[in-house]
Amino acid sequence: MNKVYSYLGLARRAGKVVSGEQAVVGGVKRGQVRLLLISEDASSNTYRKFSALAQNHNVRCLVYGEKDLYGQALGQSSRSVLGVLDRNFADVIRAHIQEPVREKN
Protein backbone atom coordinates (compact mmCIF):
# COMPACT_ATOMS: atom_id res chain seq x y z
CA MET A 1 0.00 0.00 0.00
CA ASN A 2 1.33 3.45 -0.81
CA LYS A 3 1.58 6.42 1.53
CA VAL A 4 -1.81 7.88 0.58
CA TYR A 5 -3.57 4.80 1.92
CA SER A 6 -1.37 4.81 5.02
CA TYR A 7 -2.31 8.42 5.73
CA LEU A 8 -5.97 7.59 5.20
CA GLY A 9 -5.66 4.80 7.79
CA LEU A 10 -4.00 7.17 10.25
CA ALA A 11 -6.68 9.80 9.64
CA ARG A 12 -9.41 7.23 10.25
CA ARG A 13 -7.86 6.14 13.53
CA ALA A 14 -7.71 9.81 14.52
CA GLY A 15 -11.40 10.20 13.65
CA LYS A 16 -10.66 12.58 10.79
CA VAL A 17 -12.23 10.64 7.88
CA VAL A 18 -15.83 10.05 6.91
CA SER A 19 -16.70 7.35 4.40
CA GLY A 20 -19.79 6.24 2.60
CA GLU A 21 -22.16 8.38 0.61
CA GLN A 22 -24.45 9.68 3.38
CA ALA A 23 -21.63 10.48 5.80
CA VAL A 24 -19.65 12.34 3.14
CA VAL A 25 -22.68 14.33 1.96
CA GLY A 26 -23.44 15.32 5.56
CA GLY A 27 -19.82 16.28 6.24
CA VAL A 28 -19.61 18.41 3.10
CA LYS A 29 -22.91 20.17 3.84
CA ARG A 30 -21.80 20.91 7.43
CA GLY A 31 -18.51 22.37 6.12
CA GLN A 32 -16.36 19.72 7.83
CA VAL A 33 -14.80 18.03 4.78
CA ARG A 34 -11.49 19.54 3.63
CA LEU A 35 -10.73 17.03 0.85
CA LEU A 36 -13.12 14.74 -0.99
CA LEU A 37 -11.67 11.63 -2.63
CA ILE A 38 -13.55 9.67 -5.28
CA SER A 39 -12.18 6.30 -6.33
CA GLU A 40 -11.22 5.82 -9.96
CA ASP A 41 -13.53 2.81 -10.17
CA ALA A 42 -16.57 4.65 -8.79
CA SER A 43 -19.60 4.78 -11.05
CA SER A 44 -20.06 7.78 -13.31
CA ASN A 45 -23.23 8.61 -11.34
CA THR A 46 -21.23 8.73 -8.10
CA TYR A 47 -18.57 10.85 -9.77
CA ARG A 48 -21.12 13.35 -11.10
CA LYS A 49 -22.96 13.59 -7.79
CA PHE A 50 -19.91 14.13 -5.62
CA SER A 51 -17.91 16.34 -7.95
CA ALA A 52 -20.95 18.64 -8.21
CA LEU A 53 -21.40 18.55 -4.42
CA ALA A 54 -17.75 19.46 -3.90
CA GLN A 55 -17.90 22.26 -6.43
CA ASN A 56 -21.08 23.71 -4.90
CA HIS A 57 -19.52 23.74 -1.43
CA ASN A 58 -15.99 24.80 -2.49
CA VAL A 59 -14.34 21.54 -1.39
CA ARG A 60 -11.27 20.21 -3.18
CA CYS A 61 -12.16 16.97 -4.96
CA LEU A 62 -9.69 14.45 -6.39
CA VAL A 63 -10.17 11.21 -8.30
CA TYR A 64 -7.65 8.74 -6.96
CA GLY A 65 -7.22 5.09 -6.07
CA GLU A 66 -9.54 2.11 -5.90
CA LYS A 67 -12.55 1.57 -3.67
CA ASP A 68 -11.25 -1.80 -2.41
CA LEU A 69 -7.98 -0.17 -1.32
CA TYR A 70 -9.92 2.63 0.40
CA GLY A 71 -11.81 -0.03 2.33
CA GLN A 72 -8.60 -1.85 3.29
CA ALA A 73 -6.95 1.39 4.43
CA LEU A 74 -9.95 2.17 6.65
CA GLY A 75 -10.46 -1.39 7.87
CA GLN A 76 -13.94 -1.46 6.33
CA SER A 77 -15.68 -2.71 3.22
CA SER A 78 -15.16 -1.03 -0.16
CA ARG A 79 -15.78 2.72 -0.24
CA SER A 80 -16.23 4.86 -3.36
CA VAL A 81 -15.99 8.24 -1.63
CA LEU A 82 -14.10 9.54 1.38
CA GLY A 83 -14.06 12.88 3.10
CA VAL A 84 -10.95 14.01 4.97
CA LEU A 85 -11.94 16.31 7.84
CA ASP A 86 -8.55 17.54 9.01
CA ARG A 87 -6.73 20.24 7.02
CA ASN A 88 -3.28 18.83 7.79
CA PHE A 89 -4.19 15.29 6.71
CA ALA A 90 -5.84 16.74 3.59
CA ASP A 91 -2.70 18.70 2.70
CA VAL A 92 -0.39 15.71 3.20
CA ILE A 93 -2.62 13.37 1.20
CA ARG A 94 -3.02 15.90 -1.61
CA ALA A 95 0.77 16.38 -1.73
CA HIS A 96 1.29 12.62 -2.18
CA ILE A 97 -1.17 12.36 -5.06
CA GLN A 98 1.08 13.11 -8.02
CA GLU A 99 -1.42 12.71 -10.82
CA PRO A 100 -3.44 15.62 -12.14
CA VAL A 101 -7.18 15.56 -11.54
CA ARG A 102 -8.94 13.79 -14.38
CA GLU A 103 -12.46 14.04 -15.66
CA LYS A 104 -14.33 10.77 -15.43
CA ASN A 105 -16.29 9.82 -18.53
C-alpha atoms as a PDB file:
ATOM      1  CA  MET A   1       0.000   0.000   0.000  1.00  0.00           C
ATOM      2  CA  ASN A   2       1.333   3.450  -0.812  1.00  0.00           C
ATOM      3  CA  LYS A   3       1.580   6.423   1.528  1.00  0.00           C
ATOM      4  CA  VAL A   4      -1.806   7.883   0.576  1.00  0.00           C
ATOM      5  CA  TYR A   5      -3.572   4.804   1.921  1.00  0.00           C
ATOM      6  CA  SER A   6      -1.365   4.808   5.023  1.00  0.00           C
ATOM      7  CA  TYR A   7      -2.313   8.420   5.735  1.00  0.00           C
ATOM      8  CA  LEU A   8      -5.972   7.586   5.196  1.00  0.00           C
ATOM      9  CA  GLY A   9      -5.658   4.804   7.785  1.00  0.00           C
ATOM     10  CA  LEU A  10      -4.003   7.175  10.252  1.00  0.00           C
ATOM     11  CA  ALA A  11      -6.677   9.799   9.640  1.00  0.00           C
ATOM     12  CA  ARG A  12      -9.414   7.228  10.252  1.00  0.00           C
ATOM     13  CA  ARG A  13      -7.855   6.135  13.532  1.00  0.00           C
ATOM     14  CA  ALA A  14      -7.707   9.811  14.518  1.00  0.00           C
ATOM     15  CA  GLY A  15     -11.401  10.196  13.648  1.00  0.00           C
ATOM     16  CA  LYS A  16     -10.657  12.575  10.786  1.00  0.00           C
ATOM     17  CA  VAL A  17     -12.225  10.643   7.876  1.00  0.00           C
ATOM     18  CA  VAL A  18     -15.832  10.047   6.913  1.00  0.00           C
ATOM     19  CA  SER A  19     -16.702   7.353   4.399  1.00  0.00           C
ATOM     20  CA  GLY A  20     -19.788   6.235   2.598  1.00  0.00           C
ATOM     21  CA  GLU A  21     -22.163   8.382   0.612  1.00  0.00           C
ATOM     22  CA  GLN A  22     -24.445   9.676   3.383  1.00  0.00           C
ATOM     23  CA  ALA A  23     -21.630  10.484   5.801  1.00  0.00           C
ATOM     24  CA  VAL A  24     -19.647  12.338   3.140  1.00  0.00           C
ATOM     25  CA  VAL A  25     -22.683  14.326   1.959  1.00  0.00           C
ATOM     26  CA  GLY A  26     -23.438  15.317   5.564  1.00  0.00           C
ATOM     27  CA  GLY A  27     -19.822  16.283   6.240  1.00  0.00           C
ATOM     28  CA  VAL A  28     -19.611  18.414   3.104  1.00  0.00           C
ATOM     29  CA  LYS A  29     -22.907  20.167   3.840  1.00  0.00           C
ATOM     30  CA  ARG A  30     -21.797  20.913   7.428  1.00  0.00           C
ATOM     31  CA  GLY A  31     -18.515  22.366   6.121  1.00  0.00           C
ATOM     32  CA  GLN A  32     -16.362  19.720   7.829  1.00  0.00           C
ATOM     33  CA  VAL A  33     -14.797  18.026   4.778  1.00  0.00           C
ATOM     34  CA  ARG A  34     -11.491  19.541   3.626  1.00  0.00           C
ATOM     35  CA  LEU A  35     -10.731  17.031   0.850  1.00  0.00           C
ATOM     36  CA  LEU A  36     -13.124  14.744  -0.990  1.00  0.00           C
ATOM     37  CA  LEU A  37     -11.674  11.633  -2.631  1.00  0.00           C
ATOM     38  CA  ILE A  38     -13.547   9.674  -5.285  1.00  0.00           C
ATOM     39  CA  SER A  39     -12.178   6.300  -6.333  1.00  0.00           C
ATOM     40  CA  GLU A  40     -11.215   5.816  -9.958  1.00  0.00           C
ATOM     41  CA  ASP A  41     -13.533   2.811 -10.172  1.00  0.00           C
ATOM     42  CA  ALA A  42     -16.571   4.649  -8.792  1.00  0.00           C
ATOM     43  CA  SER A  43     -19.603   4.783 -11.053  1.00  0.00           C
ATOM     44  CA  SER A  44     -20.060   7.780 -13.313  1.00  0.00           C
ATOM     45  CA  ASN A  45     -23.233   8.607 -11.343  1.00  0.00           C
ATOM     46  CA  THR A  46     -21.233   8.727  -8.101  1.00  0.00           C
ATOM     47  CA  TYR A  47     -18.574  10.849  -9.771  1.00  0.00           C
ATOM     48  CA  ARG A  48     -21.118  13.354 -11.101  1.00  0.00           C
ATOM     49  CA  LYS A  49     -22.965  13.585  -7.789  1.00  0.00           C
ATOM     50  CA  PHE A  50     -19.909  14.128  -5.617  1.00  0.00           C
ATOM     51  CA  SER A  51     -17.910  16.344  -7.955  1.00  0.00           C
ATOM     52  CA  ALA A  52     -20.952  18.638  -8.205  1.00  0.00           C
ATOM     53  CA  LEU A  53     -21.403  18.553  -4.421  1.00  0.00           C
ATOM     54  CA  ALA A  54     -17.751  19.458  -3.897  1.00  0.00           C
ATOM     55  CA  GLN A  55     -17.900  22.265  -6.430  1.00  0.00           C
ATOM     56  CA  ASN A  56     -21.085  23.710  -4.902  1.00  0.00           C
ATOM     57  CA  HIS A  57     -19.523  23.741  -1.430  1.00  0.00           C
ATOM     58  CA  ASN A  58     -15.986  24.801  -2.487  1.00  0.00           C
ATOM     59  CA  VAL A  59     -14.344  21.538  -1.391  1.00  0.00           C
ATOM     60  CA  ARG A  60     -11.268  20.212  -3.176  1.00  0.00           C
ATOM     61  CA  CYS A  61     -12.165  16.966  -4.964  1.00  0.00           C
ATOM     62  CA  LEU A  62      -9.692  14.451  -6.385  1.00  0.00           C
ATOM     63  CA  VAL A  63     -10.171  11.213  -8.302  1.00  0.00           C
ATOM     64  CA  TYR A  64      -7.649   8.738  -6.957  1.00  0.00           C
ATOM     65  CA  GLY A  65      -7.222   5.085  -6.073  1.00  0.00           C
ATOM     66  CA  GLU A  66      -9.541   2.112  -5.897  1.00  0.00           C
ATOM     67  CA  LYS A  67     -12.551   1.566  -3.675  1.00  0.00           C
ATOM     68  CA  ASP A  68     -11.249  -1.805  -2.415  1.00  0.00           C
ATOM     69  CA  LEU A  69      -7.983  -0.170  -1.322  1.00  0.00           C
ATOM     70  CA  TYR A  70      -9.921   2.630   0.396  1.00  0.00           C
ATOM     71  CA  GLY A  71     -11.810  -0.025   2.326  1.00  0.00           C
ATOM     72  CA  GLN A  72      -8.596  -1.849   3.286  1.00  0.00           C
ATOM     73  CA  ALA A  73      -6.949   1.385   4.431  1.00  0.00           C
ATOM     74  CA  LEU A  74      -9.946   2.169   6.646  1.00  0.00           C
ATOM     75  CA  GLY A  75     -10.457  -1.386   7.872  1.00  0.00           C
ATOM     76  CA  GLN A  76     -13.937  -1.456   6.330  1.00  0.00           C
ATOM     77  CA  SER A  77     -15.683  -2.710   3.219  1.00  0.00           C
ATOM     78  CA  SER A  78     -15.155  -1.027  -0.158  1.00  0.00           C
ATOM     79  CA  ARG A  79     -15.779   2.722  -0.241  1.00  0.00           C
ATOM     80  CA  SER A  80     -16.227   4.858  -3.361  1.00  0.00           C
ATOM     81  CA  VAL A  81     -15.990   8.236  -1.627  1.00  0.00           C
ATOM     82  CA  LEU A  82     -14.099   9.537   1.378  1.00  0.00           C
ATOM     83  CA  GLY A  83     -14.064  12.877   3.104  1.00  0.00           C
ATOM     84  CA  VAL A  84     -10.952  14.010   4.969  1.00  0.00           C
ATOM     85  CA  LEU A  85     -11.935  16.305   7.840  1.00  0.00           C
ATOM     86  CA  ASP A  86      -8.551  17.544   9.014  1.00  0.00           C
ATOM     87  CA  ARG A  87      -6.735  20.239   7.018  1.00  0.00           C
ATOM     88  CA  ASN A  88      -3.275  18.827   7.788  1.00  0.00           C
ATOM     89  CA  PHE A  89      -4.189  15.292   6.710  1.00  0.00           C
ATOM     90  CA  ALA A  90      -5.843  16.737   3.595  1.00  0.00           C
ATOM     91  CA  ASP A  91      -2.701  18.699   2.698  1.00  0.00           C
ATOM     92  CA  VAL A  92      -0.390  15.707   3.195  1.00  0.00           C
ATOM     93  CA  ILE A  93      -2.622  13.371   1.196  1.00  0.00           C
ATOM     94  CA  ARG A  94      -3.017  15.897  -1.606  1.00  0.00           C
ATOM     95  CA  ALA A  95       0.766  16.375  -1.731  1.00  0.00           C
ATOM     96  CA  HIS A  96       1.288  12.621  -2.184  1.00  0.00           C
ATOM     97  CA  ILE A  97      -1.165  12.364  -5.058  1.00  0.00           C
ATOM     98  CA  GLN A  98       1.085  13.112  -8.015  1.00  0.00           C
ATOM     99  CA  GLU A  99      -1.416  12.707 -10.821  1.00  0.00           C
ATOM    100  CA  PRO A 100      -3.438  15.622 -12.144  1.00  0.00           C
ATOM    101  CA  VAL A 101      -7.176  15.563 -11.536  1.00  0.00           C
ATOM    102  CA  ARG A 102      -8.940  13.786 -14.382  1.00  0.00           C
ATOM    103  CA  GLU A 103     -12.455  14.044 -15.657  1.00  0.00           C
ATOM    104  CA  LYS A 104     -14.330  10.768 -15.427  1.00  0.00           C
ATOM    105  CA  ASN A 105     -16.291   9.817 -18.531  1.00  0.00           C
END
